[in-house]
Amino acid sequence: MKLGKKFLWVIGKFKYVIVIVGGILIITVLGENSMLQRYRHARQIAELEEEIEKQDMRFQQDSIRLEEMERNPEEVRRIAREKYFMKASDEDIYVLSDEIKDKNDYAPVK
């Protein structure tokens, strides 16, 4: 019994300190609106803003490229040849690669 009374006496004496420390703990560490969560969200916002800047730059570059393609039909042919390996009817295309093929990649001729 003495232990229970002592415990209640300590809690009664320091009840304001316990409430204040508990409140500070909830505000800074626990809960969905804690300072820790605010820091994580701020970091995520910064990363997303950086991604937005990258995408804006890419959009501007692609817009310039699209305008060039609309003005110059030769640009369309150049891009089709470089990216998609398209060719005119009277030419051949040779694709050179740095990859080394395995001997097992070739099927035996029957």
N, C-alpha and C. Protein backbone atom coordinates (compact mmCIF):
# COMPACT_ATOMS: atom_id res chain seq x y z
N MET A 1 0.80 -1.20 0.00
CA MET A 1 0.00 0.00 0.00
C MET A 1 0.83 1.25 0.00
N LYS A 2 1.96 1.19 0.69
CA LYS A 2 2.79 2.38 0.77
C LYS A 2 3.31 2.79 -0.59
N LEU A 3 3.61 1.79 -1.42
CA LEU A 3 4.14 2.09 -2.75
C LEU A 3 3.10 2.82 -3.61
N GLY A 4 1.86 2.40 -3.54
CA GLY A 4 0.79 3.04 -4.29
C GLY A 4 0.55 4.47 -3.83
N LYS A 5 0.59 4.69 -2.52
CA LYS A 5 0.40 6.05 -2.00
C LYS A 5 1.56 6.94 -2.39
N LYS A 6 2.77 6.38 -2.37
CA LYS A 6 3.96 7.16 -2.75
C LYS A 6 3.88 7.56 -4.23
N PHE A 7 3.45 6.60 -5.04
CA PHE A 7 3.33 6.86 -6.48
C PHE A 7 2.31 7.97 -6.75
N LEU A 8 1.18 7.89 -6.09
CA LEU A 8 0.15 8.92 -6.27
C LEU A 8 0.63 10.28 -5.75
N TRP A 9 1.39 10.28 -4.68
CA TRP A 9 1.92 11.53 -4.13
C TRP A 9 2.89 12.18 -5.12
N VAL A 10 3.77 11.36 -5.76
CA VAL A 10 4.72 11.89 -6.76
C VAL A 10 3.97 12.44 -7.96
N ILE A 11 2.97 11.71 -8.41
CA ILE A 11 2.18 12.19 -9.56
C ILE A 11 1.44 13.47 -9.18
N GLY A 12 0.89 13.53 -8.01
CA GLY A 12 0.17 14.72 -7.57
C GLY A 12 1.08 15.93 -7.44
N LYS A 13 2.28 15.69 -6.97
CA LYS A 13 3.21 16.80 -6.79
C LYS A 13 3.73 17.35 -8.12
N PHE A 14 3.96 16.43 -9.09
CA PHE A 14 4.55 16.84 -10.36
C PHE A 14 3.54 16.77 -11.52
N LYS A 15 2.27 16.91 -11.24
CA LYS A 15 1.26 16.77 -12.28
C LYS A 15 1.40 17.81 -13.38
N TYR A 16 1.76 19.03 -13.05
CA TYR A 16 1.93 20.06 -14.08
C TYR A 16 3.15 19.79 -14.95
N VAL A 17 4.21 19.33 -14.32
CA VAL A 17 5.43 18.99 -15.08
C VAL A 17 5.15 17.82 -16.00
N ILE A 18 4.44 16.82 -15.52
CA ILE A 18 4.11 15.66 -16.34
C ILE A 18 3.24 16.07 -17.52
N VAL A 19 2.25 16.92 -17.29
CA VAL A 19 1.38 17.37 -18.37
C VAL A 19 2.15 18.20 -19.39
N ILE A 20 3.02 19.08 -18.92
CA ILE A 20 3.81 19.91 -19.84
C ILE A 20 4.76 19.06 -20.66
N VAL A 21 5.48 18.14 -20.02
CA VAL A 21 6.41 17.27 -20.74
C VAL A 21 5.64 16.39 -21.73
N GLY A 22 4.50 15.86 -21.31
CA GLY A 22 3.68 15.05 -22.23
C GLY A 22 3.19 15.87 -23.41
N GLY A 23 2.77 17.10 -23.17
CA GLY A 23 2.32 17.96 -24.28
C GLY A 23 3.44 18.28 -25.25
N ILE A 24 4.61 18.58 -24.71
CA ILE A 24 5.76 18.85 -25.58
C ILE A 24 6.14 17.62 -26.38
N LEU A 25 6.07 16.46 -25.75
CA LEU A 25 6.38 15.20 -26.45
C LEU A 25 5.39 14.96 -27.58
N ILE A 26 4.12 15.21 -27.32
CA ILE A 26 3.11 15.01 -28.37
C ILE A 26 3.32 15.99 -29.52
N ILE A 27 3.62 17.23 -29.19
CA ILE A 27 3.79 18.25 -30.24
C ILE A 27 5.03 18.00 -31.09
N THR A 28 6.13 17.58 -30.47
CA THR A 28 7.38 17.46 -31.22
C THR A 28 7.58 16.11 -31.88
N VAL A 29 7.13 15.02 -31.27
CA VAL A 29 7.47 13.70 -31.79
C VAL A 29 6.24 12.91 -32.23
N LEU A 30 5.23 12.88 -31.44
CA LEU A 30 4.06 12.05 -31.71
C LEU A 30 3.00 12.84 -32.46
N GLY A 31 2.06 12.13 -33.03
CA GLY A 31 0.93 12.78 -33.70
C GLY A 31 1.21 13.04 -35.17
N GLU A 32 0.13 13.32 -35.87
CA GLU A 32 0.25 13.52 -37.33
C GLU A 32 0.70 14.92 -37.70
N ASN A 33 0.61 15.86 -36.79
CA ASN A 33 1.04 17.23 -37.06
C ASN A 33 2.28 17.60 -36.25
N SER A 34 3.11 16.62 -35.96
CA SER A 34 4.29 16.86 -35.14
C SER A 34 5.37 17.59 -35.93
N MET A 35 6.35 18.07 -35.22
CA MET A 35 7.47 18.77 -35.87
C MET A 35 8.25 17.82 -36.78
N LEU A 36 8.34 16.56 -36.37
CA LEU A 36 9.02 15.57 -37.19
C LEU A 36 8.30 15.39 -38.53
N GLN A 37 6.98 15.30 -38.48
CA GLN A 37 6.21 15.18 -39.71
C GLN A 37 6.31 16.44 -40.57
N ARG A 38 6.33 17.59 -39.93
CA ARG A 38 6.48 18.86 -40.68
C ARG A 38 7.81 18.88 -41.42
N TYR A 39 8.87 18.41 -40.76
CA TYR A 39 10.19 18.36 -41.40
C TYR A 39 10.17 17.41 -42.59
N ARG A 40 9.57 16.23 -42.42
CA ARG A 40 9.49 15.27 -43.53
C ARG A 40 8.70 15.85 -44.70
N HIS A 41 7.59 16.50 -44.40
CA HIS A 41 6.78 17.09 -45.47
C HIS A 41 7.52 18.23 -46.17
N ALA A 42 8.24 19.04 -45.41
CA ALA A 42 9.01 20.13 -46.03
C ALA A 42 10.08 19.59 -46.95
N ARG A 43 10.74 18.50 -46.55
CA ARG A 43 11.76 17.89 -47.39
C ARG A 43 11.13 17.31 -48.66
N GLN A 44 9.97 16.68 -48.52
CA GLN A 44 9.27 16.12 -49.68
C GLN A 44 8.83 17.23 -50.63
N ILE A 45 8.36 18.34 -50.09
CA ILE A 45 7.95 19.47 -50.92
C ILE A 45 9.14 20.01 -51.70
N ALA A 46 10.29 20.11 -51.05
CA ALA A 46 11.49 20.60 -51.74
C ALA A 46 11.88 19.67 -52.89
N GLU A 47 11.81 18.36 -52.66
CA GLU A 47 12.12 17.41 -53.72
C GLU A 47 11.14 17.52 -54.88
N LEU A 48 9.87 17.69 -54.57
CA LEU A 48 8.87 17.80 -55.63
C LEU A 48 9.02 19.10 -56.41
N GLU A 49 9.37 20.18 -55.73
CA GLU A 49 9.61 21.45 -56.44
C GLU A 49 10.81 21.33 -57.37
N GLU A 50 11.83 20.61 -56.94
CA GLU A 50 12.99 20.38 -57.80
C GLU A 50 12.60 19.56 -59.03
N GLU A 51 11.75 18.57 -58.84
CA GLU A 51 11.26 17.76 -59.95
C GLU A 51 10.42 18.61 -60.91
N ILE A 52 9.64 19.53 -60.38
CA ILE A 52 8.85 20.43 -61.21
C ILE A 52 9.76 21.30 -62.07
N GLU A 53 10.84 21.80 -61.49
CA GLU A 53 11.79 22.61 -62.25
C GLU A 53 12.41 21.81 -63.39
N LYS A 54 12.78 20.56 -63.10
CA LYS A 54 13.35 19.70 -64.15
C LYS A 54 12.36 19.48 -65.27
N GLN A 55 11.10 19.21 -64.90
CA GLN A 55 10.09 18.95 -65.92
C GLN A 55 9.78 20.21 -66.73
N ASP A 56 9.82 21.37 -66.09
CA ASP A 56 9.62 22.63 -66.82
C ASP A 56 10.72 22.85 -67.85
N MET A 57 11.96 22.57 -67.44
CA MET A 57 13.08 22.71 -68.38
C MET A 57 12.92 21.75 -69.55
N ARG A 58 12.52 20.52 -69.26
CA ARG A 58 12.33 19.54 -70.32
C ARG A 58 11.19 19.97 -71.24
N PHE A 59 10.12 20.51 -70.67
CA PHE A 59 8.99 20.98 -71.47
C PHE A 59 9.43 22.10 -72.41
N GLN A 60 10.24 23.04 -71.89
CA GLN A 60 10.71 24.13 -72.74
C GLN A 60 11.59 23.61 -73.88
N GLN A 61 12.48 22.68 -73.58
CA GLN A 61 13.34 22.11 -74.62
C GLN A 61 12.51 21.37 -75.66
N ASP A 62 11.53 20.60 -75.21
CA ASP A 62 10.68 19.87 -76.14
C ASP A 62 9.81 20.81 -76.98
N SER A 63 9.38 21.91 -76.38
CA SER A 63 8.59 22.90 -77.13
C SER A 63 9.43 23.53 -78.23
N ILE A 64 10.66 23.86 -77.93
CA ILE A 64 11.56 24.41 -78.94
C ILE A 64 11.79 23.40 -80.06
N ARG A 65 11.98 22.14 -79.67
CA ARG A 65 12.21 21.08 -80.66
C ARG A 65 10.98 20.90 -81.54
N LEU A 66 9.79 20.96 -80.94
CA LEU A 66 8.55 20.80 -81.69
C LEU A 66 8.36 21.94 -82.68
N GLU A 67 8.65 23.16 -82.25
CA GLU A 67 8.55 24.31 -83.17
C GLU A 67 9.50 24.15 -84.34
N GLU A 68 10.71 23.67 -84.05
CA GLU A 68 11.69 23.45 -85.12
C GLU A 68 11.19 22.37 -86.08
N MET A 69 10.57 21.34 -85.56
CA MET A 69 10.05 20.28 -86.43
C MET A 69 8.89 20.77 -87.28
N GLU A 70 8.07 21.64 -86.73
CA GLU A 70 6.94 22.17 -87.50
C GLU A 70 7.41 23.10 -88.61
N ARG A 71 8.50 23.82 -88.38
CA ARG A 71 9.01 24.76 -89.39
C ARG A 71 9.87 24.08 -90.43
N ASN A 72 10.58 23.03 -90.05
CA ASN A 72 11.57 22.44 -90.94
C ASN A 72 11.28 20.94 -91.11
N PRO A 73 10.78 20.51 -92.27
CA PRO A 73 10.49 19.08 -92.48
C PRO A 73 11.76 18.23 -92.50
N GLU A 74 12.88 18.82 -92.80
CA GLU A 74 14.15 18.08 -92.80
C GLU A 74 14.52 17.65 -91.37
N GLU A 75 14.11 18.42 -90.41
CA GLU A 75 14.36 18.08 -89.00
C GLU A 75 13.59 16.81 -88.62
N VAL A 76 12.38 16.66 -89.13
CA VAL A 76 11.60 15.45 -88.87
C VAL A 76 12.31 14.24 -89.44
N ARG A 77 12.82 14.37 -90.64
CA ARG A 77 13.55 13.25 -91.24
C ARG A 77 14.80 12.90 -90.44
N ARG A 78 15.50 13.92 -89.97
CA ARG A 78 16.73 13.68 -89.19
C ARG A 78 16.42 12.94 -87.89
N ILE A 79 15.37 13.37 -87.20
CA ILE A 79 15.01 12.72 -85.94
C ILE A 79 14.52 11.29 -86.20
N ALA A 80 13.75 11.09 -87.26
CA ALA A 80 13.27 9.74 -87.58
C ALA A 80 14.44 8.81 -87.88
N ARG A 81 15.45 9.31 -88.56
CA ARG A 81 16.61 8.48 -88.89
C ARG A 81 17.46 8.19 -87.65
N GLU A 82 17.68 9.20 -86.82
CA GLU A 82 18.56 9.03 -85.67
C GLU A 82 17.92 8.20 -84.55
N LYS A 83 16.68 8.50 -84.22
CA LYS A 83 16.06 7.84 -83.07
C LYS A 83 15.38 6.53 -83.43
N TYR A 84 14.74 6.47 -84.57
CA TYR A 84 13.90 5.32 -84.88
C TYR A 84 14.47 4.47 -86.02
N PHE A 85 15.67 4.77 -86.47
CA PHE A 85 16.37 4.00 -87.51
C PHE A 85 15.52 3.83 -88.76
N MET A 86 14.78 4.88 -89.12
CA MET A 86 13.99 4.83 -90.35
C MET A 86 14.90 5.18 -91.51
N LYS A 87 14.53 4.73 -92.67
CA LYS A 87 15.39 4.95 -93.84
C LYS A 87 14.54 5.24 -95.07
N ALA A 88 15.21 5.81 -96.02
CA ALA A 88 14.56 6.04 -97.32
C ALA A 88 14.57 4.72 -98.08
N SER A 89 13.79 4.64 -99.14
CA SER A 89 13.67 3.37 -99.87
C SER A 89 14.96 2.99 -100.60
N ASP A 90 15.82 3.94 -100.87
CA ASP A 90 17.03 3.63 -101.65
C ASP A 90 18.30 3.59 -100.81
N GLU A 91 18.20 3.42 -99.50
CA GLU A 91 19.42 3.40 -98.68
C GLU A 91 19.38 2.25 -97.67
N ASP A 92 20.57 1.88 -97.22
CA ASP A 92 20.70 0.83 -96.21
C ASP A 92 21.22 1.44 -94.91
N ILE A 93 20.83 0.82 -93.81
CA ILE A 93 21.26 1.31 -92.50
C ILE A 93 22.06 0.20 -91.82
N TYR A 94 23.20 0.59 -91.29
CA TYR A 94 24.03 -0.32 -90.51
C TYR A 94 24.10 0.23 -89.09
N VAL A 95 23.68 -0.60 -88.12
CA VAL A 95 23.70 -0.19 -86.72
C VAL A 95 24.91 -0.85 -86.07
N LEU A 96 25.81 -0.03 -85.56
CA LEU A 96 27.00 -0.53 -84.89
C LEU A 96 26.76 -0.49 -83.39
N SER A 97 27.19 -1.55 -82.72
CA SER A 97 26.95 -1.64 -81.29
C SER A 97 28.23 -2.04 -80.59
N ASP A 98 28.37 -1.60 -79.35
CA ASP A 98 29.53 -1.97 -78.55
C ASP A 98 29.29 -3.24 -77.74
N GLU A 99 28.10 -3.77 -77.80
CA GLU A 99 27.77 -4.97 -77.04
C GLU A 99 28.44 -6.19 -77.66
N ILE A 100 28.91 -7.07 -76.80
CA ILE A 100 29.54 -8.30 -77.27
C ILE A 100 28.51 -9.41 -77.19
N LYS A 101 28.29 -10.08 -78.30
CA LYS A 101 27.31 -11.15 -78.35
C LYS A 101 27.95 -12.44 -77.85
N ASP A 102 27.15 -13.26 -77.18
CA ASP A 102 27.60 -14.56 -76.72
C ASP A 102 27.57 -15.52 -77.90
N LYS A 103 28.39 -16.56 -77.88
CA LYS A 103 28.36 -17.54 -78.96
C LYS A 103 27.02 -18.28 -78.97
N ASN A 104 26.38 -18.37 -77.84
CA ASN A 104 25.09 -19.06 -77.75
C ASN A 104 23.94 -18.23 -78.29
N ASP A 105 24.18 -16.97 -78.62
CA ASP A 105 23.11 -16.11 -79.13
C ASP A 105 22.72 -16.47 -80.57
N TYR A 106 23.62 -17.15 -81.28
CA TYR A 106 23.35 -17.45 -82.66
C TYR A 106 22.72 -18.84 -82.75
N ALA A 107 21.64 -18.93 -83.49
CA ALA A 107 20.96 -20.22 -83.66
C ALA A 107 21.67 -21.02 -84.75
N PRO A 108 21.75 -22.31 -84.60
CA PRO A 108 22.40 -23.13 -85.65
C PRO A 108 21.56 -23.13 -86.92
N VAL A 109 22.25 -23.13 -88.04
CA VAL A 109 21.59 -23.13 -89.34
C VAL A 109 21.32 -24.59 -89.73
N LYS A 110 20.08 -24.89 -90.13
CA LYS A 110 19.73 -26.26 -90.52
C LYS A 110 19.56 -26.36 -92.00
